[in-house]
PDB file of N, CA and C in Angstrom:
ATOM      1  N   MET A   1       0.815  -1.189   0.000  1.00  0.00           N
ATOM      2  CA  MET A   1       0.000   0.000   0.000  1.00  0.00           C
ATOM      3  C   MET A   1       0.867   1.265   0.000  1.00  0.00           C
ATOM      4  N   HIS A   2       1.950   1.230   0.750  1.00  0.00           N
ATOM      5  CA  HIS A   2       2.842   2.381   0.845  1.00  0.00           C
ATOM      6  C   HIS A   2       3.423   2.728  -0.521  1.00  0.00           C
ATOM      7  N   ASP A   3       3.844   1.722  -1.277  1.00  0.00           N
ATOM      8  CA  ASP A   3       4.403   1.955  -2.611  1.00  0.00           C
ATOM      9  C   ASP A   3       3.372   2.565  -3.550  1.00  0.00           C
ATOM     10  N   LEU A   4       2.112   2.194  -3.383  1.00  0.00           N
ATOM     11  CA  LEU A   4       1.067   2.768  -4.230  1.00  0.00           C
ATOM     12  C   LEU A   4       0.894   4.260  -3.973  1.00  0.00           C
ATOM     13  N   ARG A   5       1.058   4.694  -2.737  1.00  0.00           N
ATOM     14  CA  ARG A   5       0.966   6.125  -2.424  1.00  0.00           C
ATOM     15  C   ARG A   5       2.106   6.890  -3.087  1.00  0.00           C
ATOM     16  N   HIS A   6       3.311   6.317  -3.084  1.00  0.00           N
ATOM     17  CA  HIS A   6       4.444   6.947  -3.755  1.00  0.00           C
ATOM     18  C   HIS A   6       4.186   7.028  -5.266  1.00  0.00           C
ATOM     19  N   THR A   7       3.710   5.955  -5.831  1.00  0.00           N
ATOM     20  CA  THR A   7       3.429   5.928  -7.269  1.00  0.00           C
ATOM     21  C   THR A   7       2.351   6.940  -7.620  1.00  0.00           C
ATOM     22  N   TYR A   8       1.287   6.979  -6.833  1.00  0.00           N
ATOM     23  CA  TYR A   8       0.183   7.909  -7.054  1.00  0.00           C
ATOM     24  C   TYR A   8       0.687   9.355  -7.026  1.00  0.00           C
ATOM     25  N   ALA A   9       1.450   9.689  -6.000  1.00  0.00           N
ATOM     26  CA  ALA A   9       1.976  11.053  -5.868  1.00  0.00           C
ATOM     27  C   ALA A   9       2.923  11.392  -7.013  1.00  0.00           C
ATOM     28  N   SER A  10       3.780  10.466  -7.379  1.00  0.00           N
ATOM     29  CA  SER A  10       4.729  10.713  -8.463  1.00  0.00           C
ATOM     30  C   SER A  10       4.025  10.883  -9.801  1.00  0.00           C
ATOM     31  N   LEU A  11       3.021  10.069 -10.051  1.00  0.00           N
ATOM     32  CA  LEU A  11       2.264  10.210 -11.300  1.00  0.00           C
ATOM     33  C   LEU A  11       1.554  11.561 -11.352  1.00  0.00           C
ATOM     34  N   LEU A  12       0.999  11.992 -10.244  1.00  0.00           N
ATOM     35  CA  LEU A  12       0.347  13.299 -10.211  1.00  0.00           C
ATOM     36  C   LEU A  12       1.338  14.415 -10.533  1.00  0.00           C
ATOM     37  N   ILE A  13       2.460  14.427  -9.828  1.00  0.00           N
ATOM     38  CA  ILE A  13       3.472  15.474 -10.018  1.00  0.00           C
ATOM     39  C   ILE A  13       3.994  15.484 -11.450  1.00  0.00           C
ATOM     40  N   ASN A  14       4.283  14.329 -11.991  1.00  0.00           N
ATOM     41  CA  ASN A  14       4.866  14.243 -13.328  1.00  0.00           C
ATOM     42  C   ASN A  14       3.864  14.511 -14.439  1.00  0.00           C
ATOM     43  N   ASN A  15       2.599  14.609 -14.067  1.00  0.00           N
ATOM     44  CA  ASN A  15       1.577  14.941 -15.064  1.00  0.00           C
ATOM     45  C   ASN A  15       0.964  16.314 -14.819  1.00  0.00           C
ATOM     46  N   GLY A  16       1.692  17.154 -14.075  1.00  0.00           N
ATOM     47  CA  GLY A  16       1.316  18.550 -13.961  1.00  0.00           C
ATOM     48  C   GLY A  16       0.591  18.982 -12.705  1.00  0.00           C
ATOM     49  N   ALA A  17       0.300  18.073 -11.786  1.00  0.00           N
ATOM     50  CA  ALA A  17      -0.350  18.479 -10.538  1.00  0.00           C
ATOM     51  C   ALA A  17       0.650  19.240  -9.671  1.00  0.00           C
ATOM     52  N   SER A  18       0.152  20.174  -8.905  1.00  0.00           N
ATOM     53  CA  SER A  18       1.033  20.913  -8.004  1.00  0.00           C
ATOM     54  C   SER A  18       1.272  20.087  -6.736  1.00  0.00           C
ATOM     55  N   ILE A  19       2.328  20.431  -6.034  1.00  0.00           N
ATOM     56  CA  ILE A  19       2.628  19.733  -4.787  1.00  0.00           C
ATOM     57  C   ILE A  19       1.514  19.979  -3.765  1.00  0.00           C
ATOM     58  N   TYR A  20       0.838  21.114  -3.871  1.00  0.00           N
ATOM     59  CA  TYR A  20      -0.275  21.420  -2.973  1.00  0.00           C
ATOM     60  C   TYR A  20      -1.457  20.490  -3.237  1.00  0.00           C
ATOM     61  N   GLU A  21      -1.687  20.183  -4.500  1.00  0.00           N
ATOM     62  CA  GLU A  21      -2.752  19.230  -4.835  1.00  0.00           C
ATOM     63  C   GLU A  21      -2.412  17.843  -4.308  1.00  0.00           C
ATOM     64  N   VAL A  22      -1.168  17.443  -4.472  1.00  0.00           N
ATOM     65  CA  VAL A  22      -0.726  16.134  -3.970  1.00  0.00           C
ATOM     66  C   VAL A  22      -0.902  16.083  -2.457  1.00  0.00           C
ATOM     67  N   GLN A  23      -0.539  17.163  -1.781  1.00  0.00           N
ATOM     68  CA  GLN A  23      -0.702  17.229  -0.325  1.00  0.00           C
ATOM     69  C   GLN A  23      -2.150  16.969   0.063  1.00  0.00           C
ATOM     70  N   LYS A  24      -3.066  17.604  -0.620  1.00  0.00           N
ATOM     71  CA  LYS A  24      -4.489  17.438  -0.306  1.00  0.00           C
ATOM     72  C   LYS A  24      -4.980  16.028  -0.640  1.00  0.00           C
ATOM     73  N   PHE A  25      -4.578  15.513  -1.802  1.00  0.00           N
ATOM     74  CA  PHE A  25      -4.999  14.170  -2.198  1.00  0.00           C
ATOM     75  C   PHE A  25      -4.538  13.108  -1.209  1.00  0.00           C
ATOM     76  N   LEU A  26      -3.313  13.264  -0.706  1.00  0.00           N
ATOM     77  CA  LEU A  26      -2.764  12.274   0.214  1.00  0.00           C
ATOM     78  C   LEU A  26      -3.165  12.534   1.665  1.00  0.00           C
ATOM     79  N   GLY A  27      -3.771  13.696   1.918  1.00  0.00           N
ATOM     80  CA  GLY A  27      -4.226  14.003   3.263  1.00  0.00           C
ATOM     81  C   GLY A  27      -3.115  14.391   4.220  1.00  0.00           C
ATOM     82  N   HIS A  28      -2.031  14.954   3.695  1.00  0.00           N
ATOM     83  CA  HIS A  28      -0.918  15.361   4.550  1.00  0.00           C
ATOM     84  C   HIS A  28      -1.168  16.740   5.143  1.00  0.00           C
ATOM     85  N   TYR A  29      -0.767  16.904   6.382  1.00  0.00           N
ATOM     86  CA  TYR A  29      -0.943  18.171   7.081  1.00  0.00           C
ATOM     87  C   TYR A  29       0.023  19.231   6.562  1.00  0.00           C
ATOM     88  N   ASN A  30       1.256  18.816   6.275  1.00  0.00           N
ATOM     89  CA  ASN A  30       2.220  19.791   5.773  1.00  0.00           C
ATOM     90  C   ASN A  30       2.819  19.340   4.445  1.00  0.00           C
ATOM     91  N   ILE A  31       3.355  20.295   3.726  1.00  0.00           N
ATOM     92  CA  ILE A  31       3.850  20.071   2.371  1.00  0.00           C
ATOM     93  C   ILE A  31       5.096  19.188   2.358  1.00  0.00           C
ATOM     94  N   SER A  32       5.899  19.241   3.404  1.00  0.00           N
ATOM     95  CA  SER A  32       7.148  18.476   3.407  1.00  0.00           C
ATOM     96  C   SER A  32       6.891  16.967   3.329  1.00  0.00           C
ATOM     97  N   MET A  33       5.813  16.509   3.913  1.00  0.00           N
ATOM     98  CA  MET A  33       5.493  15.084   3.827  1.00  0.00           C
ATOM     99  C   MET A  33       5.097  14.721   2.399  1.00  0.00           C
ATOM    100  N   ALA A  34       4.330  15.565   1.750  1.00  0.00           N
ATOM    101  CA  ALA A  34       3.940  15.318   0.359  1.00  0.00           C
ATOM    102  C   ALA A  34       5.173  15.290  -0.536  1.00  0.00           C
ATOM    103  N   GLU A  35       6.145  16.143  -0.239  1.00  0.00           N
ATOM    104  CA  GLU A  35       7.377  16.179  -1.028  1.00  0.00           C
ATOM    105  C   GLU A  35       8.150  14.865  -0.929  1.00  0.00           C
ATOM    106  N   ARG A  36       8.045  14.186   0.179  1.00  0.00           N
ATOM    107  CA  ARG A  36       8.725  12.895   0.347  1.00  0.00           C
ATOM    108  C   ARG A  36       8.119  11.821  -0.546  1.00  0.00           C
ATOM    109  N   TYR A  37       6.850  11.950  -0.836  1.00  0.00           N
ATOM    110  CA  TYR A  37       6.152  10.949  -1.636  1.00  0.00           C
ATOM    111  C   TYR A  37       6.308  11.177  -3.138  1.00  0.00           C
ATOM    112  N   ALA A  38       6.350  12.414  -3.551  1.00  0.00           N
ATOM    113  CA  ALA A  38       6.341  12.745  -4.975  1.00  0.00           C
ATOM    114  C   ALA A  38       7.769  12.832  -5.512  1.00  0.00           C
ATOM    115  N   ARG A  39       8.064  12.035  -6.504  1.00  0.00           N
ATOM    116  CA  ARG A  39       9.385  12.023  -7.139  1.00  0.00           C
ATOM    117  C   ARG A  39       9.232  12.347  -8.625  1.00  0.00           C
ATOM    118  N   LEU A  40      10.139  13.182  -9.117  1.00  0.00           N
ATOM    119  CA  LEU A  40      10.135  13.507 -10.537  1.00  0.00           C
ATOM    120  C   LEU A  40      10.744  12.373 -11.338  1.00  0.00           C
ATOM    121  N   PHE A  41      10.136  12.081 -12.461  1.00  0.00           N
ATOM    122  CA  PHE A  41      10.730  11.122 -13.388  1.00  0.00           C
ATOM    123  C   PHE A  41      11.923  11.804 -14.066  1.00  0.00           C
ATOM    124  N   PRO A  42      12.910  11.054 -14.526  1.00  0.00           N
ATOM    125  CA  PRO A  42      14.120  11.648 -15.105  1.00  0.00           C
ATOM    126  C   PRO A  42      13.861  12.639 -16.246  1.00  0.00           C
ATOM    127  N   ASN A  43      12.883  12.384 -17.056  1.00  0.00           N
ATOM    128  CA  ASN A  43      12.680  13.263 -18.215  1.00  0.00           C
ATOM    129  C   ASN A  43      11.752  14.444 -17.917  1.00  0.00           C
ATOM    130  N   THR A  44      11.152  14.506 -16.742  1.00  0.00           N
ATOM    131  CA  THR A  44      10.195  15.567 -16.450  1.00  0.00           C
ATOM    132  C   THR A  44      10.844  16.937 -16.449  1.00  0.00           C
ATOM    133  N   LEU A  45      11.995  17.082 -15.821  1.00  0.00           N
ATOM    134  CA  LEU A  45      12.652  18.380 -15.792  1.00  0.00           C
ATOM    135  C   LEU A  45      13.040  18.833 -17.198  1.00  0.00           C
ATOM    136  N   GLN A  46      13.531  17.927 -18.002  1.00  0.00           N
ATOM    137  CA  GLN A  46      13.891  18.290 -19.375  1.00  0.00           C
ATOM    138  C   GLN A  46      12.651  18.708 -20.153  1.00  0.00           C
ATOM    139  N   ASP A  47      11.552  18.035 -19.940  1.00  0.00           N
ATOM    140  CA  ASP A  47      10.297  18.410 -20.600  1.00  0.00           C
ATOM    141  C   ASP A  47       9.901  19.834 -20.228  1.00  0.00           C
ATOM    142  N   ARG A  48      10.073  20.205 -18.968  1.00  0.00           N
ATOM    143  CA  ARG A  48       9.729  21.558 -18.530  1.00  0.00           C
ATOM    144  C   ARG A  48      10.665  22.590 -19.151  1.00  0.00           C
ATOM    145  N   VAL A  49      11.947  22.264 -19.254  1.00  0.00           N
ATOM    146  CA  VAL A  49      12.904  23.157 -19.914  1.00  0.00           C
ATOM    147  C   VAL A  49      12.515  23.342 -21.377  1.00  0.00           C
ATOM    148  N   ASP A  50      12.122  22.280 -22.032  1.00  0.00           N
ATOM    149  CA  ASP A  50      11.705  22.353 -23.434  1.00  0.00           C
ATOM    150  C   ASP A  50      10.473  23.241 -23.609  1.00  0.00           C
ATOM    151  N   ILE A  51       9.549  23.199 -22.663  1.00  0.00           N
ATOM    152  CA  ILE A  51       8.356  24.051 -22.727  1.00  0.00           C
ATOM    153  C   ILE A  51       8.767  25.520 -22.711  1.00  0.00           C
ATOM    154  N   VAL A  52       9.666  25.878 -21.813  1.00  0.00           N
ATOM    155  CA  VAL A  52      10.124  27.265 -21.728  1.00  0.00           C
ATOM    156  C   VAL A  52      10.889  27.648 -22.988  1.00  0.00           C
ATOM    157  N   ALA A  53      11.761  26.770 -23.443  1.00  0.00           N
ATOM    158  CA  ALA A  53      12.534  27.060 -24.651  1.00  0.00           C
ATOM    159  C   ALA A  53      11.615  27.262 -25.853  1.00  0.00           C
ATOM    160  N   ASP A  54      10.604  26.434 -25.971  1.00  0.00           N
ATOM    161  CA  ASP A  54       9.650  26.574 -27.078  1.00  0.00           C
ATOM    162  C   ASP A  54       8.883  27.889 -26.998  1.00  0.00           C
ATOM    163  N   SER A  55       8.552  28.301 -25.796  1.00  0.00           N
ATOM    164  CA  SER A  55       7.802  29.556 -25.648  1.00  0.00           C
ATOM    165  C   SER A  55       8.671  30.771 -25.926  1.00  0.00           C
ATOM    166  N   LEU A  56       9.990  30.616 -25.838  1.00  0.00           N
ATOM    167  CA  LEU A  56      10.921  31.711 -26.128  1.00  0.00           C
ATOM    168  C   LEU A  56      11.424  31.665 -27.574  1.00  0.00           C
ATOM    169  N   ASP A  57      10.875  30.804 -28.375  1.00  0.00           N
ATOM    170  CA  ASP A  57      11.275  30.674 -29.776  1.00  0.00           C
ATOM    171  C   ASP A  57      10.741  31.878 -30.550  1.00  0.00           C
ATOM    172  N   PHE A  58      11.590  32.866 -30.729  1.00  0.00           N
ATOM    173  CA  PHE A  58      11.184  34.120 -31.348  1.00  0.00           C
ATOM    174  C   PHE A  58      10.922  33.983 -32.842  1.00  0.00           C
ATOM    175  N   ASP A  59      11.373  32.919 -33.458  1.00  0.00           N
ATOM    176  CA  ASP A  59      11.116  32.697 -34.886  1.00  0.00           C
ATOM    177  C   ASP A  59       9.637  32.424 -35.136  1.00  0.00           C
ATOM    178  N   ARG A  60       8.938  31.938 -34.122  1.00  0.00           N
ATOM    179  CA  ARG A  60       7.516  31.633 -34.278  1.00  0.00           C
ATOM    180  C   ARG A  60       6.656  32.876 -34.205  1.00  0.00           C
ATOM    181  N   ILE A  61       7.194  33.957 -33.651  1.00  0.00           N
ATOM    182  CA  ILE A  61       6.394  35.172 -33.425  1.00  0.00           C
ATOM    183  C   ILE A  61       6.338  36.023 -34.675  1.00  0.00           C
TER     184      ILE A  61
END
């Protein structure tokens, strides 16, 4: 059951949910506990960098 909570939190975070939403879903009193459960997948940070880079692509404007 414990592993399912980690998986649930990680899937939420990696699909765009905020840490505050994860905190509420898991019923944690403080954010630090939710942070322990939610782990970023290796490619998530790169995906976020790509989003910013794409939005700064001045050739599209």
